[in-house]
Amino acid sequence: MRLTVLTKPVTRRVKKMVVTITPEGVTMRGYKRRKRTLRVSWAQVASLAPANQPVIRLAENVDGKRQLQAMGAAEKGPTG
């Protein structure tokens, strides 16, 4: 299994919000509004997960842990 790499931003309307997913993080704004209201990095998203549950299923594998470390969302271990 390989991680998906975004080549361009993914933008979707969810009810009254417009959500844009980029390699840097997630941006949300109100529908029919120009100004971006909230920008969240992937490290901030990953920090919301409880300590006793993995952030993502792939994080249990070496590649997933390496990606989380690159985002600044996981502590570097003895190999990193």
PDB file of N, CA and C in Angstrom:
ATOM      1  N   MET A   1       0.845  -1.177   0.000  1.00  0.00           N
ATOM      2  CA  MET A   1       0.000   0.000   0.000  1.00  0.00           C
ATOM      3  C   MET A   1       0.886   1.234   0.000  1.00  0.00           C
ATOM      4  N   ARG A   2       0.568   2.198  -0.856  1.00  0.00           N
ATOM      5  CA  ARG A   2       1.330   3.430  -0.948  1.00  0.00           C
ATOM      6  C   ARG A   2       0.435   4.613  -0.586  1.00  0.00           C
ATOM      7  N   LEU A   3       1.047   5.650  -0.080  1.00  0.00           N
ATOM      8  CA  LEU A   3       0.309   6.860   0.249  1.00  0.00           C
ATOM      9  C   LEU A   3      -0.061   7.610  -1.026  1.00  0.00           C
ATOM     10  N   THR A   4      -1.199   8.227  -1.024  1.00  0.00           N
ATOM     11  CA  THR A   4      -1.636   9.029  -2.161  1.00  0.00           C
ATOM     12  C   THR A   4      -0.989  10.402  -2.094  1.00  0.00           C
ATOM     13  N   VAL A   5      -0.451  10.837  -3.212  1.00  0.00           N
ATOM     14  CA  VAL A   5       0.159  12.163  -3.299  1.00  0.00           C
ATOM     15  C   VAL A   5      -0.762  13.045  -4.125  1.00  0.00           C
ATOM     16  N   LEU A   6      -1.161  14.167  -3.546  1.00  0.00           N
ATOM     17  CA  LEU A   6      -2.040  15.094  -4.256  1.00  0.00           C
ATOM     18  C   LEU A   6      -1.243  15.865  -5.294  1.00  0.00           C
ATOM     19  N   THR A   7      -1.752  15.901  -6.535  1.00  0.00           N
ATOM     20  CA  THR A   7      -1.095  16.687  -7.570  1.00  0.00           C
ATOM     21  C   THR A   7      -1.727  18.068  -7.695  1.00  0.00           C
ATOM     22  N   LYS A   8      -2.975  18.199  -7.252  1.00  0.00           N
ATOM     23  CA  LYS A   8      -3.652  19.494  -7.229  1.00  0.00           C
ATOM     24  C   LYS A   8      -4.635  19.491  -6.060  1.00  0.00           C
ATOM     25  N   PRO A   9      -5.027  20.658  -5.581  1.00  0.00           N
ATOM     26  CA  PRO A   9      -5.962  20.706  -4.454  1.00  0.00           C
ATOM     27  C   PRO A   9      -7.304  20.057  -4.791  1.00  0.00           C
ATOM     28  N   VAL A  10      -7.903  19.424  -3.782  1.00  0.00           N
ATOM     29  CA  VAL A  10      -9.230  18.828  -3.917  1.00  0.00           C
ATOM     30  C   VAL A  10     -10.201  19.724  -3.157  1.00  0.00           C
ATOM     31  N   THR A  11     -11.209  20.242  -3.863  1.00  0.00           N
ATOM     32  CA  THR A  11     -12.176  21.143  -3.250  1.00  0.00           C
ATOM     33  C   THR A  11     -13.569  20.535  -3.360  1.00  0.00           C
ATOM     34  N   ARG A  12     -14.278  20.483  -2.236  1.00  0.00           N
ATOM     35  CA  ARG A  12     -15.630  19.930  -2.203  1.00  0.00           C
ATOM     36  C   ARG A  12     -16.513  20.811  -1.334  1.00  0.00           C
ATOM     37  N   ARG A  13     -17.789  20.905  -1.709  1.00  0.00           N
ATOM     38  CA  ARG A  13     -18.771  21.620  -0.910  1.00  0.00           C
ATOM     39  C   ARG A  13     -19.430  20.631   0.027  1.00  0.00           C
ATOM     40  N   VAL A  14     -19.437  20.943   1.306  1.00  0.00           N
ATOM     41  CA  VAL A  14     -20.075  20.119   2.328  1.00  0.00           C
ATOM     42  C   VAL A  14     -21.081  21.002   3.048  1.00  0.00           C
ATOM     43  N   LYS A  15     -22.353  20.842   2.686  1.00  0.00           N
ATOM     44  CA  LYS A  15     -23.448  21.668   3.210  1.00  0.00           C
ATOM     45  C   LYS A  15     -23.152  23.141   2.974  1.00  0.00           C
ATOM     46  N   LYS A  16     -22.896  23.918   4.028  1.00  0.00           N
ATOM     47  CA  LYS A  16     -22.646  25.353   3.861  1.00  0.00           C
ATOM     48  C   LYS A  16     -21.162  25.701   3.970  1.00  0.00           C
ATOM     49  N   MET A  17     -20.296  24.701   3.786  1.00  0.00           N
ATOM     50  CA  MET A  17     -18.853  24.914   3.851  1.00  0.00           C
ATOM     51  C   MET A  17     -18.209  24.456   2.552  1.00  0.00           C
ATOM     52  N   VAL A  18     -17.092  25.077   2.211  1.00  0.00           N
ATOM     53  CA  VAL A  18     -16.257  24.635   1.100  1.00  0.00           C
ATOM     54  C   VAL A  18     -14.933  24.203   1.711  1.00  0.00           C
ATOM     55  N   VAL A  19     -14.566  22.932   1.497  1.00  0.00           N
ATOM     56  CA  VAL A  19     -13.365  22.354   2.091  1.00  0.00           C
ATOM     57  C   VAL A  19     -12.355  22.087   0.983  1.00  0.00           C
ATOM     58  N   THR A  20     -11.127  22.572   1.170  1.00  0.00           N
ATOM     59  CA  THR A  20     -10.049  22.341   0.214  1.00  0.00           C
ATOM     60  C   THR A  20      -8.948  21.556   0.911  1.00  0.00           C
ATOM     61  N   ILE A  21      -8.565  20.430   0.299  1.00  0.00           N
ATOM     62  CA  ILE A  21      -7.510  19.577   0.847  1.00  0.00           C
ATOM     63  C   ILE A  21      -6.286  19.735  -0.033  1.00  0.00           C
ATOM     64  N   THR A  22      -5.161  20.111   0.585  1.00  0.00           N
ATOM     65  CA  THR A  22      -3.898  20.303  -0.126  1.00  0.00           C
ATOM     66  C   THR A  22      -2.810  19.512   0.590  1.00  0.00           C
ATOM     67  N   PRO A  23      -1.633  19.383  -0.019  1.00  0.00           N
ATOM     68  CA  PRO A  23      -0.541  18.701   0.684  1.00  0.00           C
ATOM     69  C   PRO A  23      -0.136  19.395   1.989  1.00  0.00           C
ATOM     70  N   GLU A  24      -0.418  20.686   2.107  1.00  0.00           N
ATOM     71  CA  GLU A  24      -0.059  21.427   3.320  1.00  0.00           C
ATOM     72  C   GLU A  24      -1.072  21.268   4.438  1.00  0.00           C
ATOM     73  N   GLY A  25      -2.328  21.000   4.092  1.00  0.00           N
ATOM     74  CA  GLY A  25      -3.356  20.873   5.120  1.00  0.00           C
ATOM     75  C   GLY A  25      -4.753  21.041   4.560  1.00  0.00           C
ATOM     76  N   VAL A  26      -5.661  21.508   5.404  1.00  0.00           N
ATOM     77  CA  VAL A  26      -7.069  21.651   5.048  1.00  0.00           C
ATOM     78  C   VAL A  26      -7.476  23.108   5.245  1.00  0.00           C
ATOM     79  N   THR A  27      -8.218  23.647   4.272  1.00  0.00           N
ATOM     80  CA  THR A  27      -8.734  25.006   4.363  1.00  0.00           C
ATOM     81  C   THR A  27     -10.249  24.936   4.260  1.00  0.00           C
ATOM     82  N   MET A  28     -10.948  25.664   5.153  1.00  0.00           N
ATOM     83  CA  MET A  28     -12.405  25.687   5.138  1.00  0.00           C
ATOM     84  C   MET A  28     -12.882  27.130   5.082  1.00  0.00           C
ATOM     85  N   ARG A  29     -13.968  27.332   4.331  1.00  0.00           N
ATOM     86  CA  ARG A  29     -14.582  28.651   4.266  1.00  0.00           C
ATOM     87  C   ARG A  29     -16.076  28.480   4.067  1.00  0.00           C
ATOM     88  N   GLY A  30     -16.818  29.519   4.304  1.00  0.00           N
ATOM     89  CA  GLY A  30     -18.255  29.492   4.089  1.00  0.00           C
ATOM     90  C   GLY A  30     -18.583  29.443   2.613  1.00  0.00           C
ATOM     91  N   TYR A  31     -19.670  28.791   2.256  1.00  0.00           N
ATOM     92  CA  TYR A  31     -20.115  28.718   0.870  1.00  0.00           C
ATOM     93  C   TYR A  31     -20.498  30.112   0.390  1.00  0.00           C
ATOM     94  N   LYS A  32     -20.086  30.468  -0.817  1.00  0.00           N
ATOM     95  CA  LYS A  32     -20.303  31.783  -1.423  1.00  0.00           C
ATOM     96  C   LYS A  32     -19.554  32.895  -0.687  1.00  0.00           C
ATOM     97  N   ARG A  33     -18.457  32.551  -0.039  1.00  0.00           N
ATOM     98  CA  ARG A  33     -17.593  33.527   0.628  1.00  0.00           C
ATOM     99  C   ARG A  33     -16.218  33.450  -0.028  1.00  0.00           C
ATOM    100  N   ARG A  34     -15.580  34.584  -0.197  1.00  0.00           N
ATOM    101  CA  ARG A  34     -14.277  34.602  -0.839  1.00  0.00           C
ATOM    102  C   ARG A  34     -13.135  34.376   0.150  1.00  0.00           C
ATOM    103  N   LYS A  35     -13.252  34.961   1.299  1.00  0.00           N
ATOM    104  CA  LYS A  35     -12.162  34.910   2.264  1.00  0.00           C
ATOM    105  C   LYS A  35     -12.062  33.527   2.901  1.00  0.00           C
ATOM    106  N   ARG A  36     -10.871  32.989   2.949  1.00  0.00           N
ATOM    107  CA  ARG A  36     -10.631  31.721   3.643  1.00  0.00           C
ATOM    108  C   ARG A  36     -10.726  31.985   5.143  1.00  0.00           C
ATOM    109  N   THR A  37     -11.464  31.152   5.830  1.00  0.00           N
ATOM    110  CA  THR A  37     -11.702  31.434   7.242  1.00  0.00           C
ATOM    111  C   THR A  37     -10.866  30.583   8.178  1.00  0.00           C
ATOM    112  N   LEU A  38     -10.507  29.374   7.762  1.00  0.00           N
ATOM    113  CA  LEU A  38      -9.763  28.506   8.674  1.00  0.00           C
ATOM    114  C   LEU A  38      -8.789  27.653   7.881  1.00  0.00           C
ATOM    115  N   ARG A  39      -7.537  27.699   8.253  1.00  0.00           N
ATOM    116  CA  ARG A  39      -6.503  26.870   7.633  1.00  0.00           C
ATOM    117  C   ARG A  39      -5.856  26.020   8.724  1.00  0.00           C
ATOM    118  N   VAL A  40      -5.814  24.713   8.504  1.00  0.00           N
ATOM    119  CA  VAL A  40      -5.283  23.774   9.497  1.00  0.00           C
ATOM    120  C   VAL A  40      -4.236  22.899   8.827  1.00  0.00           C
ATOM    121  N   SER A  41      -3.060  22.788   9.437  1.00  0.00           N
ATOM    122  CA  SER A  41      -2.008  21.940   8.876  1.00  0.00           C
ATOM    123  C   SER A  41      -2.292  20.479   9.210  1.00  0.00           C
ATOM    124  N   TRP A  42      -1.646  19.574   8.487  1.00  0.00           N
ATOM    125  CA  TRP A  42      -1.831  18.140   8.763  1.00  0.00           C
ATOM    126  C   TRP A  42      -1.295  17.772  10.145  1.00  0.00           C
ATOM    127  N   ALA A  43      -0.262  18.467  10.609  1.00  0.00           N
ATOM    128  CA  ALA A  43       0.252  18.211  11.954  1.00  0.00           C
ATOM    129  C   ALA A  43      -0.808  18.549  13.005  1.00  0.00           C
ATOM    130  N   GLN A  44      -1.554  19.623  12.793  1.00  0.00           N
ATOM    131  CA  GLN A  44      -2.619  19.995  13.724  1.00  0.00           C
ATOM    132  C   GLN A  44      -3.752  18.978  13.680  1.00  0.00           C
ATOM    133  N   VAL A  45      -4.098  18.501  12.486  1.00  0.00           N
ATOM    134  CA  VAL A  45      -5.146  17.484  12.356  1.00  0.00           C
ATOM    135  C   VAL A  45      -4.730  16.211  13.077  1.00  0.00           C
ATOM    136  N   ALA A  46      -3.495  15.777  12.871  1.00  0.00           N
ATOM    137  CA  ALA A  46      -3.013  14.544  13.493  1.00  0.00           C
ATOM    138  C   ALA A  46      -2.924  14.660  15.010  1.00  0.00           C
ATOM    139  N   SER A  47      -2.673  15.864  15.515  1.00  0.00           N
ATOM    140  CA  SER A  47      -2.548  16.042  16.966  1.00  0.00           C
ATOM    141  C   SER A  47      -3.881  15.887  17.692  1.00  0.00           C
ATOM    142  N   LEU A  48      -4.996  15.909  16.964  1.00  0.00           N
ATOM    143  CA  LEU A  48      -6.313  15.764  17.584  1.00  0.00           C
ATOM    144  C   LEU A  48      -6.649  14.316  17.942  1.00  0.00           C
ATOM    145  N   ALA A  49      -5.916  13.366  17.397  1.00  0.00           N
ATOM    146  CA  ALA A  49      -6.202  11.956  17.656  1.00  0.00           C
ATOM    147  C   ALA A  49      -5.814  11.602  19.093  1.00  0.00           C
ATOM    148  N   PRO A  50      -6.584  10.722  19.749  1.00  0.00           N
ATOM    149  CA  PRO A  50      -6.225  10.288  21.097  1.00  0.00           C
ATOM    150  C   PRO A  50      -4.915   9.495  21.083  1.00  0.00           C
ATOM    151  N   ALA A  51      -4.205   9.532  22.185  1.00  0.00           N
ATOM    152  CA  ALA A  51      -2.900   8.872  22.266  1.00  0.00           C
ATOM    153  C   ALA A  51      -3.004   7.348  22.143  1.00  0.00           C
ATOM    154  N   ASN A  52      -4.138   6.775  22.526  1.00  0.00           N
ATOM    155  CA  ASN A  52      -4.255   5.308  22.513  1.00  0.00           C
ATOM    156  C   ASN A  52      -4.750   4.761  21.170  1.00  0.00           C
ATOM    157  N   GLN A  53      -5.012   5.626  20.183  1.00  0.00           N
ATOM    158  CA  GLN A  53      -5.465   5.170  18.875  1.00  0.00           C
ATOM    159  C   GLN A  53      -4.535   5.710  17.804  1.00  0.00           C
ATOM    160  N   PRO A  54      -4.239   4.913  16.778  1.00  0.00           N
ATOM    161  CA  PRO A  54      -3.365   5.412  15.719  1.00  0.00           C
ATOM    162  C   PRO A  54      -4.062   6.524  14.936  1.00  0.00           C
ATOM    163  N   VAL A  55      -3.279   7.477  14.470  1.00  0.00           N
ATOM    164  CA  VAL A  55      -3.824   8.603  13.730  1.00  0.00           C
ATOM    165  C   VAL A  55      -4.461   8.110  12.427  1.00  0.00           C
ATOM    166  N   ILE A  56      -3.729   7.314  11.695  1.00  0.00           N
ATOM    167  CA  ILE A  56      -4.250   6.684  10.490  1.00  0.00           C
ATOM    168  C   ILE A  56      -3.786   5.238  10.478  1.00  0.00           C
ATOM    169  N   ARG A  57      -4.513   4.397   9.819  1.00  0.00           N
ATOM    170  CA  ARG A  57      -4.181   2.976   9.790  1.00  0.00           C
ATOM    171  C   ARG A  57      -2.769   2.747   9.258  1.00  0.00           C
ATOM    172  N   LEU A  58      -2.383   3.507   8.230  1.00  0.00           N
ATOM    173  CA  LEU A  58      -1.071   3.345   7.632  1.00  0.00           C
ATOM    174  C   LEU A  58       0.053   3.772   8.575  1.00  0.00           C
ATOM    175  N   ALA A  59      -0.276   4.550   9.601  1.00  0.00           N
ATOM    176  CA  ALA A  59       0.748   5.022  10.531  1.00  0.00           C
ATOM    177  C   ALA A  59       1.392   3.874  11.286  1.00  0.00           C
ATOM    178  N   GLU A  60       0.750   2.714  11.305  1.00  0.00           N
ATOM    179  CA  GLU A  60       1.340   1.563  11.986  1.00  0.00           C
ATOM    180  C   GLU A  60       2.501   0.991  11.190  1.00  0.00           C
ATOM    181  N   ASN A  61       2.584   1.313   9.900  1.00  0.00           N
ATOM    182  CA  ASN A  61       3.667   0.837   9.051  1.00  0.00           C
ATOM    183  C   ASN A  61       4.789   1.857   9.026  1.00  0.00           C
ATOM    184  N   VAL A  62       5.949   1.420   8.577  1.00  0.00           N
ATOM    185  CA  VAL A  62       7.120   2.292   8.551  1.00  0.00           C
ATOM    186  C   VAL A  62       6.887   3.505   7.662  1.00  0.00           C
ATOM    187  N   ASP A  63       6.300   3.312   6.484  1.00  0.00           N
ATOM    188  CA  ASP A  63       6.090   4.439   5.568  1.00  0.00           C
ATOM    189  C   ASP A  63       5.147   5.468   6.169  1.00  0.00           C
ATOM    190  N   GLY A  64       4.100   5.021   6.827  1.00  0.00           N
ATOM    191  CA  GLY A  64       3.164   5.946   7.451  1.00  0.00           C
ATOM    192  C   GLY A  64       3.811   6.740   8.564  1.00  0.00           C
ATOM    193  N   LYS A  65       4.627   6.094   9.388  1.00  0.00           N
ATOM    194  CA  LYS A  65       5.319   6.802  10.465  1.00  0.00           C
ATOM    195  C   LYS A  65       6.289   7.828   9.896  1.00  0.00           C
ATOM    196  N   ARG A  66       6.967   7.472   8.823  1.00  0.00           N
ATOM    197  CA  ARG A  66       7.897   8.404   8.189  1.00  0.00           C
ATOM    198  C   ARG A  66       7.147   9.627   7.662  1.00  0.00           C
ATOM    199  N   GLN A  67       5.964   9.415   7.064  1.00  0.00           N
ATOM    200  CA  GLN A  67       5.175  10.530   6.559  1.00  0.00           C
ATOM    201  C   GLN A  67       4.684  11.420   7.694  1.00  0.00           C
ATOM    202  N   LEU A  68       4.248  10.828   8.798  1.00  0.00           N
ATOM    203  CA  LEU A  68       3.809  11.623   9.946  1.00  0.00           C
ATOM    204  C   LEU A  68       4.960  12.431  10.529  1.00  0.00           C
ATOM    205  N   GLN A  69       6.161  11.854  10.573  1.00  0.00           N
ATOM    206  CA  GLN A  69       7.323  12.582  11.060  1.00  0.00           C
ATOM    207  C   GLN A  69       7.664  13.744  10.137  1.00  0.00           C
ATOM    208  N   ALA A  70       7.536  13.542   8.830  1.00  0.00           N
ATOM    209  CA  ALA A  70       7.818  14.608   7.878  1.00  0.00           C
ATOM    210  C   ALA A  70       6.833  15.763   8.027  1.00  0.00           C
ATOM    211  N   MET A  71       5.590  15.460   8.429  1.00  0.00           N
ATOM    212  CA  MET A  71       4.580  16.498   8.640  1.00  0.00           C
ATOM    213  C   MET A  71       4.747  17.173   9.993  1.00  0.00           C
ATOM    214  N   GLY A  72       5.590  16.606  10.851  1.00  0.00           N
ATOM    215  CA  GLY A  72       5.766  17.161  12.181  1.00  0.00           C
ATOM    216  C   GLY A  72       4.707  16.692  13.151  1.00  0.00           C
ATOM    217  N   ALA A  73       3.999  15.604  12.803  1.00  0.00           N
ATOM    218  CA  ALA A  73       2.899  15.137  13.632  1.00  0.00           C
ATOM    219  C   ALA A  73       3.287  13.988  14.543  1.00  0.00           C
ATOM    220  N   ALA A  74       4.480  13.438  14.381  1.00  0.00           N
ATOM    221  CA  ALA A  74       4.903  12.318  15.220  1.00  0.00           C
ATOM    222  C   ALA A  74       6.332  12.563  15.667  1.00  0.00           C
ATOM    223  N   GLU A  75       6.645  12.036  16.832  1.00  0.00           N
ATOM    224  CA  GLU A  75       7.995  12.184  17.341  1.00  0.00           C
ATOM    225  C   GLU A  75       8.947  11.287  16.561  1.00  0.00           C
ATOM    226  N   LYS A  76      10.162  11.770  16.400  1.00  0.00           N
ATOM    227  CA  LYS A  76      11.153  10.970  15.704  1.00  0.00           C
ATOM    228  C   LYS A  76      11.681   9.908  16.650  1.00  0.00           C
ATOM    229  N   GLY A  77      11.747   8.695  16.142  1.00  0.00           N
ATOM    230  CA  GLY A  77      12.230   7.570  16.931  1.00  0.00           C
ATOM    231  C   GLY A  77      13.735   7.436  16.816  1.00  0.00           C
ATOM    232  N   PRO A  78      14.294   6.302  17.298  1.00  0.00           N
ATOM    233  CA  PRO A  78      15.741   6.113  17.257  1.00  0.00           C
ATOM    234  C   PRO A  78      16.280   5.994  15.825  1.00  0.00           C
ATOM    235  N   THR A  79      15.424   5.645  14.858  1.00  0.00           N
ATOM    236  CA  THR A  79      15.901   5.531  13.480  1.00  0.00           C
ATOM    237  C   THR A  79      15.773   6.834  12.727  1.00  0.00           C
ATOM    238  N   GLY A  80      15.021   7.830  13.261  1.00  0.00           N
ATOM    239  CA  GLY A  80      14.756   9.072  12.538  1.00  0.00           C
ATOM    240  C   GLY A  80      15.441  10.205  13.059  1.00  0.00           C
TER     241      GLY A  80
END
